[in-house]
């Protein structure tokens, strides 16, 4: 009797709670907008329910190939960056070698295919299982280097409207050390560090479906990634796989996604083991005399 294979693909879902906060916008003489949690002369309050959980692309495809008596699993990484994956096979019934869950972890090189596992059934029985593929960009074995980032914009002076562990957002692992820099829409955004563009979004209007709005993600030589969020629709001028130099134009700032006002959200992240998390970083000079929040000390 040929084995009947049951494939149930489980998807990893990210969720976050929202925090409602009343903010007060203040525009200085240079036109830069900053936000405070207390009112002042002439300021206009606005309510924010921003929950900044970045939606990452799922560009690793799991292939299950059925053969007589079993199934083989391989993964295809379509990204120009290494991706760590975990294949979990559980709810096994009639599997050779026992029905205990099987877990396989691999780091897939850019744009590559790799065999992950082969599952065989006992002869004359029905083989059932559930497969789950988890993934995270970057190689967790890479070690970040000390680096001072250039300002990722042209013009100014601009001010920090929210630093790490902010009251509105920046309190989850992916954005804990992020910086929001208030600036007019249309400000030129440039690469703060050289690297390779690994993903982007360029077509979202307003809040849309992605909390990040339009964005560009760049892989740095030490395995860290710089992410530029809330960009203006249609303004991104780079493409995935493109190598960019420090100071090269990426896009224009905007107000897309879960944004409380025109600003650039800049964060540096790395793969810490099937999870992309923000890490502390520093700019190479202070921002318009504001305190240096970039070390992670609000």
Protein backbone atom coordinates (compact mmCIF):
# COMPACT_ATOMS: atom_id res chain seq x y z
CA UNK A 1 0.00 0.00 0.00
CA UNK A 2 1.53 3.33 -0.98
CA UNK A 3 2.04 5.73 1.92
CA UNK A 4 -0.41 8.62 2.13
CA UNK A 5 1.33 11.77 3.23
CA UNK A 6 -0.40 14.54 5.13
CA UNK A 7 1.34 17.93 4.98
CA UNK A 8 0.24 20.69 7.28
CA UNK A 9 2.25 23.87 6.97
CA UNK A 10 2.31 25.94 10.16
CA UNK A 11 3.01 29.65 9.79
CA UNK A 12 4.85 31.72 12.38
CA UNK A 13 2.77 34.77 13.25
CA UNK A 14 4.10 37.89 14.96
CA UNK A 15 1.83 39.96 17.16
CA UNK A 16 2.22 42.97 19.39
CA UNK A 17 0.08 44.91 21.79
CA UNK A 18 -0.68 48.56 21.13
CA UNK A 19 -0.01 51.39 23.54
CA UNK A 20 -2.19 54.50 23.29
CA UNK A 21 -0.35 57.73 24.12
CA UNK A 22 -1.24 61.39 23.57
CA UNK A 23 1.65 63.23 21.93
CA UNK A 24 2.13 66.95 21.31
CA UNK A 25 3.82 68.10 18.10
CA UNK A 26 6.26 71.02 18.30
CA UNK A 27 7.75 72.66 15.19
CA UNK A 28 11.00 74.60 15.70
CA UNK A 29 12.38 77.50 13.66
CA UNK A 30 14.10 75.16 11.19
CA UNK A 31 10.83 73.35 10.45
CA UNK A 32 11.79 70.15 12.27
CA UNK A 33 8.95 68.48 14.17
CA UNK A 34 9.51 66.82 17.54
CA UNK A 35 7.07 65.19 19.94
CA UNK A 36 6.56 65.54 23.68
CA UNK A 37 4.26 63.86 26.17
CA UNK A 38 3.37 67.21 27.79
CA UNK A 39 1.55 70.19 26.21
CA UNK A 40 3.23 73.50 25.50
CA UNK A 41 2.29 76.88 23.98
CA UNK A 42 0.51 76.43 20.65
CA UNK A 43 1.09 72.69 20.28
CA UNK A 44 -1.54 70.32 18.89
CA UNK A 45 -2.17 66.99 20.61
CA UNK A 46 -2.58 63.78 18.62
CA UNK A 47 -3.33 60.23 19.68
CA UNK A 48 -0.92 57.47 18.71
CA UNK A 49 -1.57 53.74 18.87
CA UNK A 50 1.65 52.88 17.09
CA UNK A 51 2.80 49.28 17.43
CA UNK A 52 6.10 48.94 15.65
CA UNK A 53 6.53 45.30 14.76
CA UNK A 54 8.32 45.12 11.46
CA UNK A 55 6.91 42.57 9.04
CA UNK A 56 9.81 40.72 7.46
CA UNK A 57 9.61 39.06 4.06
CA UNK A 58 9.22 35.30 3.95
CA UNK A 59 11.55 34.52 1.05
CA UNK A 60 12.64 31.01 1.99
CA UNK A 61 10.49 28.35 0.36
CA UNK A 62 10.10 24.87 1.80
CA UNK A 63 9.92 22.11 -0.83
CA UNK A 64 8.45 18.72 0.15
CA UNK A 65 9.05 16.06 -2.50
CA UNK A 66 7.07 12.85 -2.10
CA UNK A 67 8.66 9.56 -3.14
CA UNK A 68 7.67 5.93 -2.64
CA UNK A 69 7.60 5.43 1.12
CA UNK A 70 8.61 8.89 2.27
CA UNK A 71 9.21 12.58 1.65
CA UNK A 72 12.31 14.78 1.36
CA UNK A 73 12.52 18.40 2.50
CA UNK A 74 14.67 21.13 0.99
CA UNK A 75 14.64 24.92 1.36
CA UNK A 76 15.26 27.59 -1.26
CA UNK A 77 16.57 30.98 -0.15
CA UNK A 78 15.70 33.66 -2.72
CA UNK A 79 17.34 36.52 -0.80
CA UNK A 80 20.78 38.08 -1.43
CA UNK A 81 21.55 37.50 2.27
CA UNK A 82 22.09 34.39 4.40
CA UNK A 83 18.98 33.17 6.21
CA UNK A 84 18.82 30.90 9.24
CA UNK A 85 16.01 28.34 9.11
CA UNK A 86 14.58 25.73 11.45
CA UNK A 87 12.54 22.83 10.09
CA UNK A 88 10.45 21.08 12.72
CA UNK A 89 8.70 17.80 11.94
CA UNK A 90 6.24 16.75 14.64
CA UNK A 91 2.90 14.95 15.13
CA UNK A 92 4.65 12.02 13.50
CA UNK A 93 2.74 8.79 12.95
CA UNK A 94 4.36 5.61 11.56
CA UNK A 95 7.75 7.22 10.91
CA UNK A 96 10.83 5.03 10.68
CA UNK A 97 13.14 5.59 13.64
CA UNK A 98 10.28 6.55 15.95
CA UNK A 99 7.70 9.32 16.20
CA UNK A 100 9.66 11.81 18.33
CA UNK A 101 9.76 15.38 16.88
CA UNK A 102 12.71 16.11 14.61
CA UNK A 103 14.35 19.53 14.43
CA UNK A 104 16.88 20.66 11.81
CA UNK A 105 18.64 24.03 11.83
CA UNK A 106 20.67 25.39 8.91
CA UNK A 107 22.09 28.68 7.64
CA UNK A 108 21.26 28.98 3.95
CA UNK A 109 23.71 31.03 1.85
CA UNK A 110 22.27 33.76 -0.39
CA UNK A 111 20.17 32.48 -3.31
CA UNK A 112 20.80 28.83 -2.59
CA UNK A 113 18.95 25.53 -2.13
CA UNK A 114 19.84 23.06 0.62
CA UNK A 115 18.54 19.63 1.61
CA UNK A 116 17.20 19.65 5.17
CA UNK A 117 15.79 16.22 5.99
CA UNK A 118 14.31 12.97 4.68
CA UNK A 119 11.34 11.35 6.42
CA UNK A 120 10.50 7.69 5.74
CA UNK A 121 7.41 5.75 6.73
CA UNK A 122 7.13 2.19 7.96
CA UNK A 123 6.27 -0.16 5.09
CA UNK A 124 2.54 -0.74 4.60
CA UNK A 125 1.45 2.08 6.94
CA UNK A 126 0.15 5.62 6.62
CA UNK A 127 2.81 8.26 7.30
CA UNK A 128 1.44 11.44 8.84
CA UNK A 129 3.32 14.53 10.04
CA UNK A 130 3.22 18.29 10.46
CA UNK A 131 6.01 20.52 9.16
CA UNK A 132 6.92 24.01 10.39
CA UNK A 133 9.61 26.24 8.87
CA UNK A 134 10.90 29.20 10.90
CA UNK A 135 13.32 31.72 9.42
CA UNK A 136 15.32 34.83 10.25
CA UNK A 137 17.56 36.96 8.05
CA UNK A 138 21.29 36.93 8.70
CA UNK A 139 23.88 34.53 10.03
CA UNK A 140 23.74 34.28 13.85
CA UNK A 141 27.44 33.36 13.82
CA UNK A 142 28.43 36.81 12.51
CA UNK A 143 29.86 39.17 15.12
CA UNK A 144 29.05 42.92 14.99
CA UNK A 145 31.98 45.32 14.87
CA UNK A 146 32.20 48.64 16.66
CA UNK A 147 31.00 51.22 14.14
CA UNK A 148 29.85 54.86 14.21
CA UNK A 149 27.13 55.49 11.65
CA UNK A 150 26.91 58.56 9.45
CA UNK A 151 23.61 60.45 9.50
CA UNK A 152 21.22 58.67 7.11
CA UNK A 153 19.80 61.90 5.68
CA UNK A 154 20.81 65.08 3.86
CA UNK A 155 19.96 68.47 5.34
CA UNK A 156 18.77 69.47 8.75
CA UNK A 157 19.45 70.12 11.51
CA UNK A 158 16.88 67.60 12.73
CA UNK A 159 16.02 66.34 16.19
CA UNK A 160 15.34 62.99 17.84
CA UNK A 161 11.59 62.68 18.38
CA UNK A 162 11.83 59.28 20.10
CA UNK A 163 14.81 57.31 21.33
CA UNK A 164 15.30 53.74 22.58
CA UNK A 165 12.65 52.22 24.87
CA UNK A 166 10.25 54.99 23.87
CA UNK A 167 6.81 55.73 25.27
CA UNK A 168 5.04 55.16 21.94
CA UNK A 169 7.09 52.31 20.50
CA UNK A 170 10.70 51.02 20.53
CA UNK A 171 9.92 48.74 23.45
CA UNK A 172 10.07 45.34 21.71
CA UNK A 173 13.14 43.28 20.79
CA UNK A 174 13.08 44.30 17.11
CA UNK A 175 13.06 48.03 17.78
CA UNK A 176 14.30 48.56 21.33
CA UNK A 177 17.30 50.68 20.24
CA UNK A 178 15.65 52.37 17.25
CA UNK A 179 15.79 56.12 16.67
CA UNK A 180 13.01 58.34 15.28
CA UNK A 181 14.33 61.53 13.69
CA UNK A 182 11.63 64.09 12.90
CA UNK A 183 12.05 65.64 9.44
CA UNK A 184 9.86 67.05 6.66
CA UNK A 185 8.46 64.60 4.13
CA UNK A 186 10.67 64.38 1.06
CA UNK A 187 13.98 64.69 2.92
CA UNK A 188 16.72 62.77 1.09
CA UNK A 189 17.61 59.51 2.88
CA UNK A 190 21.08 58.04 2.33
CA UNK A 191 22.92 54.91 3.43
CA UNK A 192 24.44 55.32 6.90
CA UNK A 193 26.87 52.50 6.11
CA UNK A 194 27.90 50.54 3.03
CA UNK A 195 26.28 47.20 2.32
CA UNK A 196 23.90 45.21 0.14
CA UNK A 197 20.18 45.93 -0.22
CA UNK A 198 18.36 42.77 0.88
CA UNK A 199 14.71 43.83 0.93
CA UNK A 200 12.47 46.85 0.47
CA UNK A 201 8.91 48.12 0.18
CA UNK A 202 8.07 51.02 -2.12
CA UNK A 203 4.34 50.99 -2.90
CA UNK A 204 2.51 51.55 0.38
CA UNK A 205 0.29 54.58 0.90
CA UNK A 206 -0.62 55.88 4.33
CA UNK A 207 -0.88 53.33 7.13
CA UNK A 208 -1.42 50.39 4.77
CA UNK A 209 -0.84 46.81 5.93
CA UNK A 210 2.82 47.00 6.94
CA UNK A 211 3.55 48.93 10.19
CA UNK A 212 6.96 49.82 8.74
CA UNK A 213 5.44 51.54 5.73
CA UNK A 214 7.88 51.75 2.86
CA UNK A 215 11.39 50.70 3.92
CA UNK A 216 14.88 49.67 2.82
CA UNK A 217 16.94 46.98 4.61
CA UNK A 218 20.73 46.89 4.05
CA UNK A 219 23.12 44.10 5.09
CA UNK A 220 26.44 45.44 6.41
CA UNK A 221 29.83 43.68 6.04
CA UNK A 222 29.77 42.48 9.68
CA UNK A 223 26.36 40.80 9.37
CA UNK A 224 24.31 43.57 10.98
CA UNK A 225 21.48 45.21 9.05
CA UNK A 226 20.39 48.84 8.89
CA UNK A 227 16.68 49.45 8.32
CA UNK A 228 15.14 52.73 7.15
CA UNK A 229 11.36 52.93 7.75
CA UNK A 230 8.29 55.08 6.92
CA UNK A 231 9.66 56.19 3.53
CA UNK A 232 7.69 58.12 0.92
CA UNK A 233 5.78 56.00 -1.58
CA UNK A 234 7.58 55.50 -4.89
CA UNK A 235 10.75 57.22 -3.67
CA UNK A 236 13.02 54.18 -3.21
CA UNK A 237 15.74 54.23 -5.91
CA UNK A 238 17.69 51.06 -5.01
CA UNK A 239 16.94 47.41 -5.79
CA UNK A 240 17.41 44.12 -3.89
CA UNK A 241 20.92 42.75 -4.37
CA UNK A 242 22.39 46.18 -5.15
CA UNK A 243 25.60 47.15 -3.34
CA UNK A 244 25.49 50.67 -1.98
CA UNK A 245 28.20 52.90 -0.54
CA UNK A 246 27.92 55.07 2.53
CA UNK A 247 26.12 58.28 1.61
CA UNK A 248 24.41 56.84 -1.47
CA UNK A 249 20.81 58.00 -1.98
CA UNK A 250 18.22 55.38 -1.00
CA UNK A 251 14.86 57.16 -0.92
CA UNK A 252 12.94 60.11 0.53
CA UNK A 253 11.51 60.31 4.02
CA UNK A 254 7.77 59.97 4.44
CA UNK A 255 4.93 59.29 6.83
CA UNK A 256 3.80 55.77 5.87
CA UNK A 257 2.89 52.80 8.05
CA UNK A 258 2.31 53.22 11.80
CA UNK A 259 3.81 56.69 11.90
CA UNK A 260 2.78 59.46 14.27
CA UNK A 261 4.14 62.15 11.97
CA UNK A 262 6.78 62.73 9.27
CA UNK A 263 10.02 61.12 10.42
CA UNK A 264 12.69 58.53 9.69
CA UNK A 265 12.81 55.42 11.88
CA UNK A 266 16.36 54.03 11.77
CA UNK A 267 17.36 50.81 13.50
CA UNK A 268 20.32 48.41 13.40
CA UNK A 269 19.49 44.72 13.80
CA UNK A 270 21.17 41.32 13.81
CA UNK A 271 20.11 37.68 13.90
CA UNK A 272 20.50 36.43 17.48
CA UNK A 273 19.28 32.90 16.70
CA UNK A 274 16.07 32.60 14.66
CA UNK A 275 15.13 36.10 15.79
CA UNK A 276 16.13 39.49 14.38
CA UNK A 277 16.66 41.98 17.20
CA UNK A 278 17.81 45.58 17.43
CA UNK A 279 21.23 46.36 18.90
CA UNK A 280 22.72 49.60 20.31
CA UNK A 281 24.57 51.84 17.87
CA UNK A 282 26.05 55.34 17.69
CA UNK A 283 26.04 58.09 15.11
CA UNK A 284 29.41 59.69 14.37
CA UNK A 285 28.24 63.06 15.77
CA UNK A 286 25.42 64.37 17.97
CA UNK A 287 22.06 65.32 16.47
CA UNK A 288 21.40 69.06 16.71
CA UNK A 289 22.71 69.22 20.27
CA UNK A 290 20.24 66.63 21.55
CA UNK A 291 21.38 64.00 24.09
CA UNK A 292 23.08 61.00 22.54
CA UNK A 293 20.38 58.34 22.91
CA UNK A 294 22.08 55.99 20.50
CA UNK A 295 24.01 54.12 23.20
CA UNK A 296 20.70 52.83 24.53
CA UNK A 297 20.49 55.20 27.49
CA UNK A 298 17.31 57.31 27.24
